[in-house]
Protein backbone atom coordinates (compact mmCIF):
# COMPACT_ATOMS: atom_id res chain seq x y z
CA UNK A 1 0.11 -0.18 -0.06
CA UNK A 2 1.33 3.48 -1.08
CA UNK A 3 1.62 6.28 1.39
CA UNK A 4 1.98 10.12 0.67
CA UNK A 5 4.94 10.29 2.77
CA UNK A 6 8.62 9.00 2.48
CA UNK A 7 8.10 6.99 5.77
CA UNK A 8 8.48 3.45 6.43
CA UNK A 9 5.46 1.33 7.25
CA UNK A 10 4.63 -1.84 8.78
CA UNK A 11 2.29 -4.74 7.73
CA UNK A 12 -0.52 -6.20 10.08
CA UNK A 13 -1.98 -9.60 9.49
CA UNK A 14 -4.60 -11.23 11.94
CA UNK A 15 -5.75 -14.69 12.61
CA UNK A 16 -9.19 -13.65 11.73
CA UNK A 17 -8.84 -10.66 9.73
CA UNK A 18 -7.52 -7.01 9.14
CA UNK A 19 -7.65 -4.50 11.87
CA UNK A 20 -9.49 -1.28 10.96
CA UNK A 21 -8.99 2.10 12.64
CA UNK A 22 -11.39 2.62 16.02
CA UNK A 23 -10.06 6.09 16.92
CA UNK A 24 -11.22 9.24 15.38
CA UNK A 25 -8.54 11.80 15.47
CA UNK A 26 -9.19 15.60 16.02
CA UNK A 27 -8.72 17.84 13.11
CA UNK A 28 -5.98 19.67 14.72
CA UNK A 29 -4.13 16.24 15.44
CA UNK A 30 -4.84 14.92 11.88
CA UNK A 31 -3.14 18.36 10.29
CA UNK A 32 -0.06 17.64 12.65
CA UNK A 33 0.19 14.05 11.74
CA UNK A 34 0.05 15.17 8.05
CA UNK A 35 2.81 17.35 8.38
CA UNK A 36 5.11 15.85 10.92
CA UNK A 37 4.05 12.29 10.91
CA UNK A 38 2.94 10.25 13.97
CA UNK A 39 5.21 10.63 17.17
CA UNK A 40 6.09 8.28 19.93
CA UNK A 41 3.83 7.12 22.49
CA UNK A 42 3.78 9.32 25.79
CA UNK A 43 5.33 7.08 28.53
CA UNK A 44 6.00 7.51 32.32
CA UNK A 45 9.59 7.24 33.64
CA UNK A 46 11.05 4.72 34.52
CA UNK A 47 8.40 2.13 33.74
CA UNK A 48 7.81 3.05 30.16
CA UNK A 49 3.95 2.67 30.30
CA UNK A 50 1.80 4.71 28.19
CA UNK A 51 0.14 7.62 29.91
CA UNK A 52 -1.77 9.14 27.38
CA UNK A 53 -4.00 7.90 24.24
CA UNK A 54 -2.15 9.31 21.14
CA UNK A 55 -1.53 8.24 17.38
CA UNK A 56 1.93 6.39 17.93
CA UNK A 57 4.52 5.59 15.22
CA UNK A 58 4.59 1.91 14.75
CA UNK A 59 8.18 1.79 15.57
CA UNK A 60 7.55 3.26 19.09
CA UNK A 61 5.07 0.34 19.93
CA UNK A 62 6.34 -2.14 22.63
CA UNK A 63 5.46 -5.25 24.37
CA UNK A 64 2.92 -4.31 27.08
CA UNK A 65 1.48 -1.41 24.95
CA UNK A 66 -2.31 -1.38 24.55
CA UNK A 67 -3.97 -0.23 21.38
CA UNK A 68 -7.36 0.92 20.28
CA UNK A 69 -8.11 -0.84 17.16
CA UNK A 70 -11.52 -2.30 15.98
CA UNK A 71 -11.68 -6.16 15.89
CA UNK A 72 -10.63 -8.10 12.82
CA UNK A 73 -12.97 -8.18 10.12
CA UNK A 74 -11.63 -10.77 7.42
CA UNK A 75 -9.54 -13.76 7.16
CA UNK A 76 -5.86 -13.71 6.11
CA UNK A 77 -5.66 -10.14 4.84
CA UNK A 78 -3.10 -7.51 5.48
CA UNK A 79 -2.78 -3.97 5.61
CA UNK A 80 0.08 -1.66 6.25
CA UNK A 81 0.15 0.96 9.05
CA UNK A 82 2.46 4.05 9.96
CA UNK A 83 0.97 4.51 13.33
CA UNK A 84 -1.44 2.98 15.70
CA UNK A 85 -3.78 4.60 18.31
CA UNK A 86 -2.10 3.63 21.64
CA UNK A 87 -4.12 3.92 25.15
CA UNK A 88 -3.12 3.54 28.81
CA UNK A 89 -4.01 -0.27 29.45
CA UNK A 90 -6.24 0.82 32.36
CA UNK A 91 -8.35 2.52 29.50
CA UNK A 92 -10.90 0.20 27.43
CA UNK A 93 -8.94 -0.92 24.43
CA UNK A 94 -9.09 -3.60 21.98
CA UNK A 95 -5.54 -5.11 21.96
CA UNK A 96 -2.32 -5.57 23.61
CA UNK A 97 1.28 -6.29 22.53
CA UNK A 98 2.05 -9.48 24.10
CA UNK A 99 5.36 -10.61 22.59
CA UNK A 100 8.01 -9.75 19.97
CA UNK A 101 10.15 -11.90 17.60
CA UNK A 102 13.26 -10.64 15.59
CA UNK A 103 13.61 -11.90 12.05
CA UNK A 104 17.10 -12.84 10.65
CA UNK A 105 19.12 -10.55 8.91
CA UNK A 106 19.39 -10.86 5.29
CA UNK A 107 17.35 -10.16 2.04
CA UNK A 108 13.55 -9.62 2.57
CA UNK A 109 11.89 -13.19 2.27
CA UNK A 110 8.87 -12.28 0.84
CA UNK A 111 5.35 -11.02 2.55
CA UNK A 112 3.94 -14.83 2.73
CA UNK A 113 7.23 -15.89 4.39
CA UNK A 114 7.31 -13.15 7.01
CA UNK A 115 3.73 -13.27 7.85
CA UNK A 116 3.73 -17.14 8.42
CA UNK A 117 6.66 -16.55 10.61
CA UNK A 118 5.15 -14.07 12.57
CA UNK A 119 1.77 -15.76 12.94
CA UNK A 120 3.63 -19.04 13.95
CA UNK A 121 5.64 -17.07 16.79
CA UNK A 122 2.42 -15.50 18.03
CA UNK A 123 0.61 -18.82 18.19
CA UNK A 124 3.37 -20.72 19.94
CA UNK A 125 3.33 -17.78 22.90
CA UNK A 126 -0.31 -17.32 22.83
CA UNK A 127 -0.90 -19.91 25.61
CA UNK A 128 1.77 -18.92 27.78
CA UNK A 129 0.74 -15.30 27.78
CA UNK A 130 -2.94 -15.65 27.94
CA UNK A 131 -3.31 -18.97 30.33
CA UNK A 132 -5.09 -20.94 27.59
CA UNK A 133 -4.42 -22.19 24.42
CA UNK A 134 -5.72 -20.44 21.47
CA UNK A 135 -8.48 -23.19 20.83
CA UNK A 136 -9.78 -22.76 24.22
CA UNK A 137 -9.78 -19.18 24.19
CA UNK A 138 -12.14 -16.60 23.31
CA UNK A 139 -9.44 -14.11 22.22
CA UNK A 140 -8.05 -13.38 18.72
CA UNK A 141 -4.44 -12.51 18.00
CA UNK A 142 -2.70 -10.97 15.31
CA UNK A 143 0.80 -9.94 14.17
CA UNK A 144 2.50 -6.87 12.91
CA UNK A 145 5.51 -7.60 10.86
CA UNK A 146 8.31 -5.79 8.62
CA UNK A 147 6.77 -4.78 4.83
CA UNK A 148 9.36 -4.86 2.09
CA UNK A 149 9.80 -1.19 2.60
CA UNK A 150 10.44 -0.96 6.19
CA UNK A 151 12.65 -4.25 5.96
CA UNK A 152 14.78 -2.19 3.27
CA UNK A 153 14.53 1.67 4.50
CA UNK A 154 14.54 0.90 8.45
CA UNK A 155 16.20 -2.41 8.89
CA UNK A 156 12.98 -3.56 10.36
CA UNK A 157 12.99 -7.12 11.48
CA UNK A 158 10.50 -6.90 14.37
CA UNK A 159 7.28 -9.00 14.38
CA UNK A 160 4.84 -7.73 17.13
CA UNK A 161 2.15 -10.15 18.39
CA UNK A 162 -1.10 -8.49 19.60
CA UNK A 163 -4.04 -10.00 21.86
CA UNK A 164 -7.63 -9.09 22.13
CA UNK A 165 -11.50 -9.74 22.43
CA UNK A 166 -13.11 -10.55 19.12
CA UNK A 167 -15.38 -7.99 19.85
CA UNK A 168 -15.89 -5.39 22.64
CA UNK A 169 -13.07 -3.97 24.61
CA UNK A 170 -11.12 -4.90 27.86
CA UNK A 171 -9.36 -2.99 30.46
CA UNK A 172 -5.93 -4.06 31.93
CA UNK A 173 -3.58 -6.70 30.80
CA UNK A 174 -4.86 -9.77 29.11
CA UNK A 175 -1.58 -11.68 30.61
CA UNK A 176 -3.02 -14.61 32.46
CA UNK A 177 -6.53 -13.72 31.94
CA UNK A 178 -7.50 -17.57 30.82
CA UNK A 179 -10.49 -16.27 28.81
């Protein structure tokens, strides 16, 4: 997917579909974003937890961050993101970053290989984080992984795993939720 800015983007794949934006930006915020691009998430010190809702650059998202995105819609599709809406985990949210995986250096192996590796990793660590196997859980997971552009331009090799409810929102972490 092309962008109008010369910035890298990351691709997101979900177990049951693509993510669509659930956060509406104010007119002012949209203007600032269109000129300067998204910023890093606002965090406390020294814990590094997100302290305020913001549209954060995808490269500033970390394990433990909570995002406010709609539930997955269609199976096995991908979409590219430059930013994601992050919120403090104590606020209602639809997803949480529960794991990361670094892909090996080298040439870009292709969208399908990167997606498959990312989804396999997220699946393999799901039970450890949630406390139930994916098949027993009512939660969905999805992966954000490097695009060809972010691989080449930003040396991006990070796959991030997200977990959230199929519908609705949650508050707090889903670690050990066993749902």
